[in-house]
Amino acid sequence: MRKINLKITGMHCASCSALVTRGLTKTEGVLSANVNPSTKAHVEYDEAKVDAAKLIEAVKKKGYGAAVSTEADKSASP
């Protein structure tokens, strides 16, 4: 089991975050996904079944941008 934080772009409301959450949780190997409308997603997944690239692809299929969150992203947040 592994955890990853993704930076999501293009979300404007709670409906957007719900759509991204559904897209991630329906991805094989994802155990849980918590998407915050403030452009962050916390995902717990089975690395034997899915990787970061597939998680990003799942978000992009829903029409949003995604990238692995870095320490620089965390320090830039208020």
Protein backbone atom coordinates (compact mmCIF):
# COMPACT_ATOMS: atom_id res chain seq x y z
CA MET A 1 0.00 0.00 0.00
CA ARG A 2 1.28 3.43 -0.93
CA LYS A 3 0.07 7.02 -0.53
CA ILE A 4 0.51 9.89 -2.95
CA ASN A 5 -0.55 13.51 -3.11
CA LEU A 6 -1.62 14.91 -6.46
CA LYS A 7 -2.00 18.53 -7.44
CA ILE A 8 -5.21 18.87 -9.49
CA THR A 9 -5.85 21.79 -11.85
CA GLY A 10 -9.07 23.02 -13.40
CA MET A 11 -11.43 22.30 -10.51
CA HIS A 12 -13.89 25.06 -9.62
CA CYS A 13 -16.36 23.54 -7.15
CA ALA A 14 -17.37 20.58 -5.00
CA SER A 15 -18.93 18.86 -8.02
CA CYS A 16 -15.55 18.94 -9.76
CA SER A 17 -13.84 17.32 -6.79
CA ALA A 18 -16.59 14.68 -6.58
CA LEU A 19 -16.09 13.83 -10.26
CA VAL A 20 -12.32 13.46 -9.78
CA THR A 21 -12.86 11.37 -6.63
CA ARG A 22 -15.15 8.99 -8.53
CA GLY A 23 -12.64 8.72 -11.38
CA LEU A 24 -9.84 7.84 -9.00
CA THR A 25 -11.80 5.40 -6.83
CA LYS A 26 -12.99 3.49 -9.89
CA THR A 27 -9.36 2.96 -10.95
CA GLU A 28 -8.25 -0.61 -10.21
CA GLY A 29 -5.86 -0.69 -7.28
CA VAL A 30 -7.05 2.54 -5.63
CA LEU A 31 -8.03 1.88 -2.02
CA SER A 32 -9.16 5.42 -1.20
CA ALA A 33 -9.14 8.91 -2.66
CA ASN A 34 -9.87 12.20 -0.93
CA VAL A 35 -10.06 15.14 -3.33
CA ASN A 36 -10.22 18.61 -1.84
CA PRO A 37 -11.76 21.37 -3.99
CA SER A 38 -8.66 23.45 -3.22
CA THR A 39 -6.82 21.39 -5.89
CA LYS A 40 -5.34 18.57 -3.82
CA ALA A 41 -5.93 14.84 -3.91
CA HIS A 42 -4.69 12.31 -1.36
CA VAL A 43 -4.73 8.81 -2.81
CA GLU A 44 -3.99 5.47 -1.18
CA TYR A 45 -3.32 2.68 -3.65
CA ASP A 46 -1.86 -0.77 -4.26
CA GLU A 47 1.37 -0.17 -6.15
CA ALA A 48 1.23 -3.71 -7.58
CA LYS A 49 -1.92 -2.75 -9.52
CA VAL A 50 -1.56 0.96 -10.33
CA ASP A 51 1.11 3.66 -10.43
CA ALA A 52 1.23 7.46 -10.33
CA ALA A 53 1.04 7.74 -14.13
CA LYS A 54 -2.23 5.76 -14.20
CA LEU A 55 -3.68 7.89 -11.41
CA ILE A 56 -2.83 11.06 -13.36
CA GLU A 57 -4.36 9.51 -16.48
CA ALA A 58 -7.59 8.78 -14.55
CA VAL A 59 -7.83 12.45 -13.53
CA LYS A 60 -7.11 13.66 -17.07
CA LYS A 61 -9.87 11.40 -18.44
CA LYS A 62 -12.28 13.43 -16.30
CA GLY A 63 -11.09 16.65 -17.93
CA TYR A 64 -8.70 17.99 -15.29
CA GLY A 65 -4.95 18.35 -15.03
CA ALA A 66 -2.86 16.46 -12.49
CA ALA A 67 0.73 16.12 -11.34
CA VAL A 68 2.49 14.58 -8.37
CA SER A 69 2.60 17.15 -5.59
CA THR A 70 6.08 18.18 -4.47
CA GLU A 71 7.45 19.67 -1.26
CA ALA A 72 7.62 23.04 -3.06
CA ASP A 73 3.85 22.82 -3.69
CA LYS A 74 3.26 22.27 0.05
CA SER A 75 5.39 25.26 1.11
CA ALA A 76 3.62 27.54 -1.40
CA SER A 77 0.21 26.75 0.13
CA PRO A 78 -1.09 29.21 2.75
